[in-house]
Amino acid sequence: MTSSGTNTAGLAGSAAWELLLPAASAPARARGRALQAALREAIRSGRLASGTRLPSSRDLATDLGVSRGLVTEAYEQLVAEGYLRSGRGAGTWVGEAVRAARSRARDLAPRSPARVDFVPGTPDLSLFPRAAWAAVQRAVLAELPHHDLGYPDPRGLPRLRTALAGLLARRRGVVADPERIVVVSGVTQATTLLGTVLHARGMRTIGVEDPGSPQHGALYAATGLGTVPLPLDEDGLALGPLLASGVRAVVTTPAHQYPTGIACTAERRAELLDWARSVDGLVLEDDYDGDFRYDRAPVGALQGLDPERVAYMGSVSKSLAPGLRLGWLLAPDALSEEVVERKRTMDLGHPSLDQALFARFLERGDYDRQLRRCQRAYRERRDALVAALSEHFPEARVSGIAAGLHAIAELPDRYGPQDVFLERVADAGIAVRPLSACTHAPTGDGGVRLVLGYAHLPPARIRAGVRLMAQALAG
């Protein structure tokens, strides 16, 4: 290193200097950016300490074999960003403002993936219609007007809302006015929007099903709402505890309760709506897998019976892929404007290109074809799970309706206690979720109740997983 008469030994002899050498051999057009990035990293990491004087641009250029202009430009850029400081005739120094980011400890020994994973919640992502999606994407890119790439209506593109209205009315019996549909990034965002609006109106608690989704507590807490667990009976959400709870809003999954698999009866639906009217309340309907019923046609959405007392939520997470982050919300008219305003301030609306793509996908009939494809596959997999449990656990009982992407398996007391059961199957490489993970209150019995997801597993894998589970318990 050429000396400039100032003490730069801390730079020249350090590992920080080595960080700059690869930048000098980068392609000519990228060399300047590479040098700037290398200097930033050396400063951020602390290898170039605060107060260190850097060589002159002439000396550094000579040592690296690059042009002096390249080094001068790098110095000027980092001075402007605050990494370096300089003064006329005073040289260039590492600035005082930079602090290294804290490094997070990493798990050096991550857990091995399960041999068979029965944890529910994920569809078969290999069923995603890549060819049809790609064809639609090309068509949309070719035809999308330039103005549709601007900031969208926070409710969503009119074209998509119109297509969704037709889909939801036809398949789920929803009263779907396109003007009241809000396109969201999944049911999680719909839940957050509604929770925020209800909190702003003075509400402080909301009822949730028990057992129910483990995510509800954290989601509603983030909006300022506390959750009140409400038990179920054989007809759905138990009415007595709901009446006694004092809540004025409740979230429910009436078409296929998660996780028990109960379908809310017609009588209980009517009672639930009567309760909402009597307390000037709201029912939040999460129709997370309402399209997938295997023993009969799906029961229509609760929202269709009283759209002014039910907020309806759904998404493509189970039918296409959760990674698309695409869903819909229909709020009662009294809440609609507030929901739209919250959506606007939250993210200015859903991405326009994704909306246009899904609208075209719906219009072409591709989404209906995808639903039929998934329904055939998931029905076969549920049948495979039920048959395998019957073979290897003859005393097991599968409860809930034939629907959705998971089933409840109840094993007799002799397979318990549950913690021992879970430990043994985990040691065998089988991942399962106990029903107790979805409950607020203990079950009070010695049996084993499992929420088994099957949609993401081929039938052969399902059969192998149940067999391995049985072998682990027999060993």
Protein backbone atom coordinates (compact mmCIF):
# COMPACT_ATOMS: atom_id res chain seq x y z
CA MET A 1 0.00 0.00 0.00
CA THR A 2 1.35 3.44 -0.87
CA SER A 3 1.63 5.72 2.17
CA SER A 4 0.11 9.18 1.98
CA GLY A 5 1.96 10.37 5.08
CA THR A 6 -1.03 9.61 7.33
CA ASN A 7 -1.43 6.54 9.50
CA THR A 8 -3.46 4.13 7.37
CA ALA A 9 -1.87 0.93 8.63
CA GLY A 10 -5.18 -0.08 10.20
CA LEU A 11 -6.69 -0.14 6.73
CA ALA A 12 -3.84 -1.50 4.65
CA GLY A 13 -3.01 -4.39 6.91
CA SER A 14 -6.53 -5.43 7.78
CA ALA A 15 -9.00 -7.92 6.38
CA ALA A 16 -11.11 -4.92 5.44
CA TRP A 17 -8.67 -4.12 2.67
CA GLU A 18 -9.14 -7.57 1.21
CA LEU A 19 -12.85 -6.79 0.80
CA LEU A 20 -11.96 -4.17 -1.80
CA LEU A 21 -9.83 -6.43 -3.99
CA PRO A 22 -12.69 -8.38 -5.63
CA ALA A 23 -14.31 -5.07 -6.56
CA ALA A 24 -11.27 -4.16 -8.64
CA SER A 25 -11.69 -7.29 -10.76
CA ALA A 26 -15.43 -6.85 -11.30
CA PRO A 27 -16.63 -6.22 -14.88
CA ALA A 28 -15.77 -2.69 -15.98
CA ARG A 29 -19.39 -1.43 -16.03
CA ALA A 30 -20.04 -2.76 -12.53
CA ARG A 31 -16.69 -1.91 -10.98
CA GLY A 32 -17.75 1.42 -9.48
CA ARG A 33 -20.84 -0.02 -7.78
CA ALA A 34 -18.81 -3.00 -6.58
CA LEU A 35 -16.21 -0.72 -4.98
CA GLN A 36 -18.91 1.33 -3.25
CA ALA A 37 -20.62 -1.81 -1.96
CA ALA A 38 -17.33 -3.24 -0.67
CA LEU A 39 -16.52 -0.03 1.19
CA ARG A 40 -20.01 0.12 2.73
CA GLU A 41 -19.74 -3.48 3.92
CA ALA A 42 -16.28 -2.89 5.42
CA ILE A 43 -17.62 0.11 7.36
CA ARG A 44 -20.87 -1.54 8.44
CA SER A 45 -19.05 -4.64 9.69
CA GLY A 46 -16.60 -2.54 11.71
CA ARG A 47 -13.58 -3.70 9.78
CA LEU A 48 -13.09 -0.08 8.85
CA ALA A 49 -13.55 1.56 12.23
CA SER A 50 -14.98 5.00 12.80
CA GLY A 51 -12.25 7.61 12.51
CA THR A 52 -10.04 5.57 10.19
CA ARG A 53 -8.40 7.72 7.52
CA LEU A 54 -8.57 6.32 4.02
CA PRO A 55 -5.78 6.54 1.44
CA SER A 56 -5.97 9.31 -1.12
CA SER A 57 -7.95 8.54 -4.24
CA ARG A 58 -4.70 8.48 -6.23
CA ASP A 59 -3.03 5.95 -3.88
CA LEU A 60 -6.06 3.70 -3.62
CA ALA A 61 -6.53 3.72 -7.40
CA THR A 62 -2.88 2.76 -7.88
CA ASP A 63 -3.04 -0.11 -5.38
CA LEU A 64 -6.28 -1.50 -6.82
CA GLY A 65 -5.33 -0.96 -10.44
CA VAL A 66 -8.40 1.11 -11.25
CA SER A 67 -8.90 4.66 -12.45
CA ARG A 68 -8.63 7.50 -9.98
CA GLY A 69 -12.01 8.79 -11.17
CA LEU A 70 -13.61 5.52 -10.08
CA VAL A 71 -12.26 5.88 -6.53
CA THR A 72 -13.14 9.58 -6.39
CA GLU A 73 -16.70 8.81 -7.40
CA ALA A 74 -16.94 6.07 -4.76
CA TYR A 75 -15.63 8.40 -2.05
CA GLU A 76 -18.06 11.16 -3.05
CA GLN A 77 -21.03 8.79 -3.06
CA LEU A 78 -20.24 7.44 0.42
CA VAL A 79 -19.64 10.94 1.76
CA ALA A 80 -23.12 11.89 0.50
CA GLU A 81 -24.60 8.81 2.20
CA GLY A 82 -22.83 9.53 5.52
CA TYR A 83 -20.44 6.58 5.55
CA LEU A 84 -17.40 8.83 5.01
CA ARG A 85 -16.52 12.44 5.82
CA SER A 86 -14.02 14.68 4.11
CA GLY A 87 -12.79 18.23 4.02
CA ARG A 88 -10.68 20.25 1.64
CA GLY A 89 -7.09 19.35 2.36
CA ALA A 90 -8.07 17.17 5.34
CA GLY A 91 -8.40 13.77 3.61
CA THR A 92 -11.21 11.21 3.75
CA TRP A 93 -12.24 9.48 6.95
CA VAL A 94 -14.74 6.85 8.08
CA GLY A 95 -17.71 8.74 9.51
CA GLU A 96 -19.17 8.60 13.01
CA ALA A 97 -22.79 7.88 12.06
CA VAL A 98 -22.53 4.21 11.08
CA ARG A 99 -23.47 1.48 13.56
CA ALA A 100 -23.25 -2.20 12.75
CA ALA A 101 -26.52 -4.16 12.63
CA ARG A 102 -26.87 -6.74 15.35
CA SER A 103 -26.34 -10.23 14.10
CA ARG A 104 -29.07 -12.70 14.96
CA ALA A 105 -28.11 -16.07 16.33
CA ARG A 106 -28.87 -18.81 13.86
CA ASP A 107 -29.88 -22.34 14.63
CA LEU A 108 -26.84 -24.26 13.46
CA ALA A 109 -28.65 -27.56 13.81
CA PRO A 110 -32.15 -27.10 12.32
CA ARG A 111 -34.65 -29.84 12.89
CA SER A 112 -34.84 -32.45 10.19
CA PRO A 113 -38.02 -32.29 8.10
CA ALA A 114 -40.67 -34.81 9.03
CA ARG A 115 -40.83 -38.02 7.04
CA VAL A 116 -44.58 -37.49 6.76
CA ASP A 117 -46.18 -34.18 7.70
CA PHE A 118 -49.87 -34.33 8.67
CA VAL A 119 -49.97 -30.76 10.00
CA PRO A 120 -53.07 -29.14 8.44
CA GLY A 121 -53.41 -25.87 6.59
CA THR A 122 -51.53 -26.34 3.33
CA PRO A 123 -53.06 -27.38 -0.01
CA ASP A 124 -51.21 -29.43 -2.60
CA LEU A 125 -49.06 -26.75 -4.19
CA SER A 126 -48.14 -29.09 -7.04
CA LEU A 127 -51.74 -28.70 -8.25
CA PHE A 128 -51.17 -25.03 -9.00
CA PRO A 129 -52.20 -24.54 -12.67
CA ARG A 130 -48.89 -23.18 -13.94
CA ALA A 131 -49.65 -23.47 -17.66
CA ALA A 132 -53.04 -21.77 -17.43
CA TRP A 133 -51.67 -19.10 -15.10
CA ALA A 134 -48.78 -18.35 -17.46
CA ALA A 135 -51.14 -18.10 -20.45
CA VAL A 136 -53.38 -15.68 -18.58
CA GLN A 137 -50.39 -13.64 -17.45
CA ARG A 138 -49.16 -13.21 -21.02
CA ALA A 139 -52.62 -12.19 -22.19
CA VAL A 140 -53.09 -9.69 -19.36
CA LEU A 141 -49.70 -8.08 -19.93
CA ALA A 142 -50.56 -7.66 -23.59
CA GLU A 143 -53.98 -6.10 -23.03
CA LEU A 144 -53.80 -4.24 -19.70
CA PRO A 145 -54.34 -0.49 -20.19
CA HIS A 146 -51.52 1.69 -18.93
CA HIS A 147 -53.81 3.51 -16.50
CA ASP A 148 -54.57 0.24 -14.70
CA LEU A 149 -50.95 0.19 -13.50
CA GLY A 150 -51.54 3.33 -11.44
CA TYR A 151 -52.74 3.40 -7.85
CA PRO A 152 -55.84 1.19 -7.81
CA ASP A 153 -59.23 1.70 -6.26
CA PRO A 154 -58.66 0.42 -2.68
CA ARG A 155 -61.66 -1.86 -3.15
CA GLY A 156 -59.97 -3.54 -6.12
CA LEU A 157 -60.21 -3.42 -9.89
CA PRO A 158 -63.85 -3.22 -11.04
CA ARG A 159 -63.23 -6.09 -13.45
CA LEU A 160 -62.14 -8.41 -10.66
CA ARG A 161 -64.88 -7.36 -8.28
CA THR A 162 -67.46 -8.05 -10.98
CA ALA A 163 -65.99 -11.49 -11.68
CA LEU A 164 -65.83 -12.30 -7.96
CA ALA A 165 -69.43 -11.25 -7.47
CA GLY A 166 -70.53 -13.73 -10.11
CA LEU A 167 -68.36 -16.51 -8.65
CA LEU A 168 -69.48 -16.04 -5.06
CA ALA A 169 -73.16 -15.74 -5.94
CA ARG A 170 -73.02 -18.84 -8.12
CA ARG A 171 -70.88 -21.12 -5.97
CA ARG A 172 -71.46 -19.91 -2.40
CA GLY A 173 -74.89 -18.24 -2.48
CA VAL A 174 -73.40 -14.93 -1.38
CA VAL A 175 -75.25 -11.65 -1.89
CA ALA A 176 -72.36 -10.11 -3.77
CA ASP A 177 -72.60 -6.52 -4.93
CA PRO A 178 -69.36 -5.67 -6.78
CA GLU A 179 -69.44 -2.22 -5.18
CA ARG A 180 -69.14 -3.78 -1.72
CA ILE A 181 -66.43 -6.34 -2.45
CA VAL A 182 -62.96 -5.42 -1.21
CA VAL A 183 -60.01 -7.34 -2.65
CA VAL A 184 -57.58 -8.17 0.16
CA SER A 185 -54.37 -10.11 0.67
CA GLY A 186 -56.12 -13.08 2.26
CA VAL A 187 -58.45 -13.69 5.19
CA THR A 188 -55.77 -12.46 7.59
CA GLN A 189 -55.98 -8.95 6.16
CA ALA A 190 -59.77 -9.12 6.03
CA THR A 191 -59.75 -10.06 9.72
CA THR A 192 -57.42 -7.18 10.54
CA LEU A 193 -59.51 -4.66 8.60
CA LEU A 194 -62.72 -5.70 10.34
CA GLY A 195 -61.07 -5.82 13.75
CA THR A 196 -59.66 -2.31 13.29
CA VAL A 197 -63.05 -0.92 12.22
CA LEU A 198 -64.88 -2.58 15.12
CA HIS A 199 -62.33 -1.27 17.60
CA ALA A 200 -62.70 2.25 16.19
CA ARG A 201 -66.44 1.94 16.81
CA GLY A 202 -65.84 1.21 20.48
CA MET A 203 -65.86 -2.58 20.51
CA ARG A 204 -63.23 -4.18 22.78
CA THR A 205 -63.97 -7.93 22.63
CA ILE A 206 -64.94 -10.44 19.98
CA GLY A 207 -66.11 -14.02 20.32
CA VAL A 208 -64.09 -16.85 18.76
CA GLU A 209 -64.86 -20.52 18.40
CA ASP A 210 -63.27 -22.90 20.91
CA PRO A 211 -61.67 -24.96 19.50
CA GLY A 212 -60.77 -22.69 16.63
CA SER A 213 -57.96 -21.15 14.65
CA PRO A 214 -54.83 -20.68 16.81
CA GLN A 215 -54.09 -17.40 14.96
CA HIS A 216 -57.23 -15.54 16.00
CA GLY A 217 -55.97 -14.38 19.38
CA ALA A 218 -52.88 -12.63 18.01
CA LEU A 219 -54.71 -11.22 14.99
CA TYR A 220 -57.46 -9.57 16.98
CA ALA A 221 -55.06 -8.45 19.72
CA ALA A 222 -53.15 -6.53 17.04
CA THR A 223 -56.34 -4.55 16.34
CA GLY A 224 -57.01 -3.87 20.03
CA LEU A 225 -59.69 -6.54 20.49
CA GLY A 226 -59.64 -9.21 23.18
CA THR A 227 -60.99 -12.65 22.28
CA VAL A 228 -63.68 -14.50 24.23
CA PRO A 229 -63.56 -18.30 23.65
CA LEU A 230 -67.00 -19.75 22.95
CA PRO A 231 -67.66 -23.50 23.01
CA LEU A 232 -69.31 -25.60 20.33
CA ASP A 233 -71.97 -28.26 20.41
CA GLU A 234 -73.09 -30.74 17.76
CA ASP A 235 -74.99 -28.01 15.87
CA GLY A 236 -72.20 -25.44 15.73
CA LEU A 237 -71.44 -22.46 17.94
CA ALA A 238 -73.25 -23.07 21.25
CA LEU A 239 -75.96 -20.45 21.68
CA GLY A 240 -76.18 -20.30 25.50
CA PRO A 241 -72.54 -19.31 26.12
CA LEU A 242 -72.75 -16.83 23.24
CA LEU A 243 -75.79 -15.12 24.81
CA ALA A 244 -74.08 -15.02 28.21
CA SER A 245 -70.75 -13.72 26.87
CA GLY A 246 -71.83 -10.14 26.28
CA VAL A 247 -69.95 -9.91 22.98
CA ARG A 248 -71.53 -8.19 20.00
CA ALA A 249 -69.33 -9.76 17.31
CA VAL A 250 -68.28 -13.33 16.73
CA VAL A 251 -66.12 -15.03 14.13
CA THR A 252 -67.27 -18.43 12.91
CA THR A 253 -66.66 -21.06 10.22
CA PRO A 254 -70.21 -22.34 9.64
CA ALA A 255 -69.71 -24.32 6.42
CA HIS A 256 -66.96 -26.52 7.89
CA GLN A 257 -65.88 -25.54 11.39
CA TYR A 258 -62.14 -25.40 11.95
CA PRO A 259 -60.93 -27.70 13.32
CA THR A 260 -63.81 -29.97 14.44
CA GLY A 261 -65.38 -30.37 10.97
CA ILE A 262 -68.90 -29.58 12.23
CA ALA A 263 -71.32 -28.08 9.71
CA CYS A 264 -73.57 -25.52 11.33
CA THR A 265 -77.19 -26.70 11.15
CA ALA A 266 -79.93 -24.64 9.54
CA GLU A 267 -81.54 -24.10 12.96
CA ARG A 268 -78.32 -22.86 14.50
CA ARG A 269 -77.70 -20.54 11.56
CA ALA A 270 -81.09 -18.94 12.13
CA GLU A 271 -80.42 -18.65 15.87
CA LEU A 272 -77.03 -17.07 15.25
CA LEU A 273 -78.57 -14.43 13.00
CA ASP A 274 -81.35 -13.79 15.51
CA TRP A 275 -78.67 -13.19 18.17
CA ALA A 276 -76.84 -10.72 15.89
CA ARG A 277 -80.04 -8.76 15.27
CA SER A 278 -80.97 -8.73 18.97
CA VAL A 279 -77.64 -7.21 20.08
CA ASP A 280 -77.10 -5.03 16.99
CA GLY A 281 -74.10 -7.26 16.38
CA LEU A 282 -72.01 -8.78 13.61
CA VAL A 283 -71.09 -12.29 12.51
CA LEU A 284 -67.71 -12.62 10.77
CA GLU A 285 -67.93 -15.62 8.43
CA ASP A 286 -64.61 -17.22 7.50
CA ASP A 287 -65.42 -19.39 4.47
CA TYR A 288 -61.89 -20.81 4.32
CA ASP A 289 -62.70 -24.08 2.52
CA GLY A 290 -66.41 -23.85 1.74
CA ASP A 291 -65.98 -25.09 -1.83
CA PHE A 292 -64.73 -28.51 -0.74
CA ARG A 293 -67.58 -30.80 0.28
CA TYR A 294 -67.37 -34.46 -0.75
CA ASP A 295 -70.63 -36.08 0.37
CA ARG A 296 -73.04 -33.53 -1.10
CA ALA A 297 -73.14 -30.10 -2.68
CA PRO A 298 -71.61 -27.45 -0.39
CA VAL A 299 -74.01 -25.59 1.88
CA GLY A 300 -74.30 -21.94 0.90
CA ALA A 301 -72.70 -19.15 2.89
CA LEU A 302 -74.38 -17.76 5.98
CA GLN A 303 -73.99 -14.26 4.53
CA GLY A 304 -76.67 -14.98 1.94
CA LEU A 305 -79.32 -15.09 4.70
CA ASP A 306 -78.57 -11.63 6.07
CA PRO A 307 -75.83 -9.61 4.33
CA GLU A 308 -76.32 -6.69 6.75
CA ARG A 309 -75.43 -8.84 9.77
CA VAL A 310 -72.67 -11.00 8.27
CA ALA A 311 -69.24 -9.99 7.00
CA TYR A 312 -68.01 -12.62 4.54
CA MET A 313 -64.33 -13.51 4.04
CA GLY A 314 -62.63 -15.92 1.64
CA SER A 315 -59.45 -16.44 -0.35
CA VAL A 316 -57.62 -18.60 -2.89
CA SER A 317 -55.21 -19.96 -0.26
CA LYS A 318 -56.77 -23.44 -0.27
CA SER A 319 -57.79 -23.57 -3.93
CA LEU A 320 -54.70 -22.11 -5.64
CA ALA A 321 -51.86 -21.18 -3.28
CA PRO A 322 -51.47 -19.16 -0.08
CA GLY A 323 -48.42 -17.45 -1.57
CA LEU A 324 -50.66 -15.51 -3.97
CA ARG A 325 -51.99 -13.47 -1.01
CA LEU A 326 -55.35 -12.91 -2.64
CA GLY A 327 -58.77 -12.87 -1.04
CA TRP A 328 -62.03 -10.94 -0.68
CA LEU A 329 -64.18 -9.30 1.95
CA LEU A 330 -67.85 -8.33 1.80
CA ALA A 331 -68.82 -6.13 4.72
CA PRO A 332 -72.32 -4.94 5.62
CA ASP A 333 -73.24 -1.61 4.11
CA ALA A 334 -72.91 0.13 7.48
CA LEU A 335 -69.23 -0.83 7.68
CA SER A 336 -68.30 -0.75 4.00
CA GLU A 337 -66.93 2.79 3.74
CA GLU A 338 -64.87 2.44 6.90
CA VAL A 339 -63.40 -0.85 5.69
CA VAL A 340 -62.44 0.70 2.35
CA GLU A 341 -60.80 3.66 4.06
CA ARG A 342 -58.79 1.34 6.34
CA LYS A 343 -57.70 -0.64 3.29
CA ARG A 344 -56.61 2.55 1.56
CA THR A 345 -54.50 3.72 4.48
CA MET A 346 -53.09 0.25 5.07
CA ASP A 347 -51.60 -0.43 1.63
CA LEU A 348 -53.29 1.78 -1.02
CA GLY A 349 -54.94 -1.26 -2.56
CA HIS A 350 -54.02 -4.71 -3.83
CA PRO A 351 -51.49 -5.03 -6.72
CA SER A 352 -53.28 -4.20 -9.98
CA LEU A 353 -51.48 -6.74 -12.15
CA ASP A 354 -52.37 -9.62 -9.79
CA GLN A 355 -55.99 -8.50 -9.78
CA ALA A 356 -56.21 -8.28 -13.55
CA LEU A 357 -54.65 -11.70 -13.87
CA PHE A 358 -57.09 -13.34 -11.47
CA ALA A 359 -60.03 -11.58 -13.11
CA ARG A 360 -59.06 -13.07 -16.47
CA PHE A 361 -58.52 -16.46 -14.80
CA LEU A 362 -62.08 -16.34 -13.45
CA GLU A 363 -63.60 -15.12 -16.72
CA ARG A 364 -62.04 -17.95 -18.74
CA GLY A 365 -63.44 -20.61 -16.40
CA ASP A 366 -59.96 -21.65 -15.25
CA TYR A 367 -60.81 -21.17 -11.58
CA ASP A 368 -63.86 -23.44 -11.78
CA ARG A 369 -61.70 -26.09 -13.46
CA GLN A 370 -59.12 -25.72 -10.70
CA LEU A 371 -61.76 -26.17 -8.00
CA ARG A 372 -63.03 -29.34 -9.65
CA ARG A 373 -59.48 -30.67 -9.97
CA CYS A 374 -58.71 -30.00 -6.32
CA GLN A 375 -62.01 -31.44 -5.16
CA ARG A 376 -61.33 -34.75 -6.93
CA ALA A 377 -57.82 -34.95 -5.51
CA TYR A 378 -58.74 -34.02 -1.96
CA ARG A 379 -61.73 -36.36 -1.82
CA GLU A 380 -59.44 -39.23 -2.87
CA ARG A 381 -56.92 -38.27 -0.18
CA ARG A 382 -59.53 -38.05 2.54
CA ASP A 383 -60.78 -41.50 1.56
CA ALA A 384 -57.19 -42.78 1.72
CA LEU A 385 -56.74 -41.34 5.21
CA VAL A 386 -59.99 -42.80 6.52
CA ALA A 387 -59.15 -46.23 5.05
CA ALA A 388 -55.61 -46.20 6.46
CA LEU A 389 -56.84 -45.24 9.92
CA SER A 390 -59.44 -47.99 9.77
CA GLU A 391 -56.74 -50.52 8.86
CA HIS A 392 -54.06 -49.54 11.38
CA PHE A 393 -56.22 -48.03 14.15
CA PRO A 394 -59.49 -50.01 14.00
CA GLU A 395 -60.87 -48.27 17.09
CA ALA A 396 -60.20 -44.79 15.75
CA ARG A 397 -63.12 -42.50 15.01
CA VAL A 398 -63.00 -39.91 12.24
CA SER A 399 -65.39 -37.10 13.09
CA GLY A 400 -66.75 -34.14 11.17
CA ILE A 401 -68.33 -33.96 7.74
CA ALA A 402 -66.57 -35.19 4.59
CA ALA A 403 -65.16 -31.85 3.56
CA GLY A 404 -62.15 -29.58 3.54
CA LEU A 405 -58.45 -30.34 3.79
CA HIS A 406 -58.25 -31.99 7.21
CA ALA A 407 -60.01 -34.51 9.44
CA ILE A 408 -60.26 -35.14 13.17
CA ALA A 409 -59.04 -38.56 14.29
CA GLU A 410 -60.01 -39.63 17.81
CA LEU A 411 -58.00 -42.52 19.24
CA PRO A 412 -59.05 -44.43 22.38
CA ASP A 413 -57.49 -43.94 25.81
CA ARG A 414 -55.03 -46.81 25.43
CA TYR A 415 -53.01 -44.76 22.93
CA GLY A 416 -52.54 -42.00 25.49
CA PRO A 417 -51.54 -40.07 27.40
CA GLN A 418 -51.38 -37.59 24.54
CA ASP A 419 -47.96 -36.12 25.33
CA VAL A 420 -46.40 -39.59 25.22
CA PHE A 421 -48.19 -40.33 21.96
CA LEU A 422 -46.94 -37.10 20.38
CA GLU A 423 -43.38 -37.76 21.50
CA ARG A 424 -43.33 -41.26 20.05
CA VAL A 425 -44.74 -40.32 16.65
CA ALA A 426 -42.39 -37.32 16.47
CA ASP A 427 -39.44 -39.62 17.12
CA ALA A 428 -40.65 -41.68 14.16
CA GLY A 429 -40.59 -38.59 11.94
CA ILE A 430 -44.37 -38.06 11.83
CA ALA A 431 -45.62 -34.49 12.30
CA VAL A 432 -49.16 -34.12 13.65
CA ARG A 433 -51.20 -31.40 15.36
CA PRO A 434 -53.22 -32.30 18.44
CA LEU A 435 -56.70 -30.86 18.76
CA SER A 436 -55.57 -29.35 22.07
CA ALA A 437 -53.36 -26.92 20.10
CA CYS A 438 -56.58 -25.29 18.87
CA THR A 439 -58.41 -25.14 22.21
CA HIS A 440 -58.50 -22.65 25.07
CA ALA A 441 -59.92 -25.11 27.60
CA PRO A 442 -58.48 -28.59 28.37
CA THR A 443 -60.42 -31.52 26.96
CA GLY A 444 -60.45 -33.40 30.27
CA ASP A 445 -60.10 -36.90 28.82
CA GLY A 446 -57.21 -39.29 28.34
CA GLY A 447 -57.67 -39.98 24.66
CA VAL A 448 -55.76 -38.66 21.68
CA ARG A 449 -57.44 -36.26 19.27
CA LEU A 450 -55.54 -35.23 16.17
CA VAL A 451 -56.18 -32.66 13.45
CA LEU A 452 -54.74 -34.46 10.42
CA GLY A 453 -54.11 -32.54 7.21
CA TYR A 454 -54.19 -34.65 4.08
CA ALA A 455 -54.65 -32.34 1.08
CA HIS A 456 -50.92 -31.82 0.48
CA LEU A 457 -50.06 -35.54 0.64
CA PRO A 458 -50.43 -38.12 -2.15
CA PRO A 459 -52.55 -41.14 -1.15
CA ALA A 460 -49.50 -43.42 -1.00
CA ARG A 461 -47.79 -41.00 1.38
CA ILE A 462 -50.89 -40.85 3.55
CA ARG A 463 -51.02 -44.63 3.83
CA ALA A 464 -47.31 -44.83 4.60
CA GLY A 465 -47.60 -42.12 7.26
CA VAL A 466 -50.43 -43.84 9.10
CA ARG A 467 -48.57 -47.16 8.94
CA LEU A 468 -45.41 -45.56 10.37
CA MET A 469 -47.49 -44.00 13.12
CA ALA A 470 -48.91 -47.38 14.07
CA GLN A 471 -45.48 -48.98 14.01
CA ALA A 472 -44.06 -46.27 16.26
CA LEU A 473 -46.75 -46.91 18.85
CA ALA A 474 -46.37 -50.68 18.65
CA GLY A 475 -42.58 -50.56 19.14
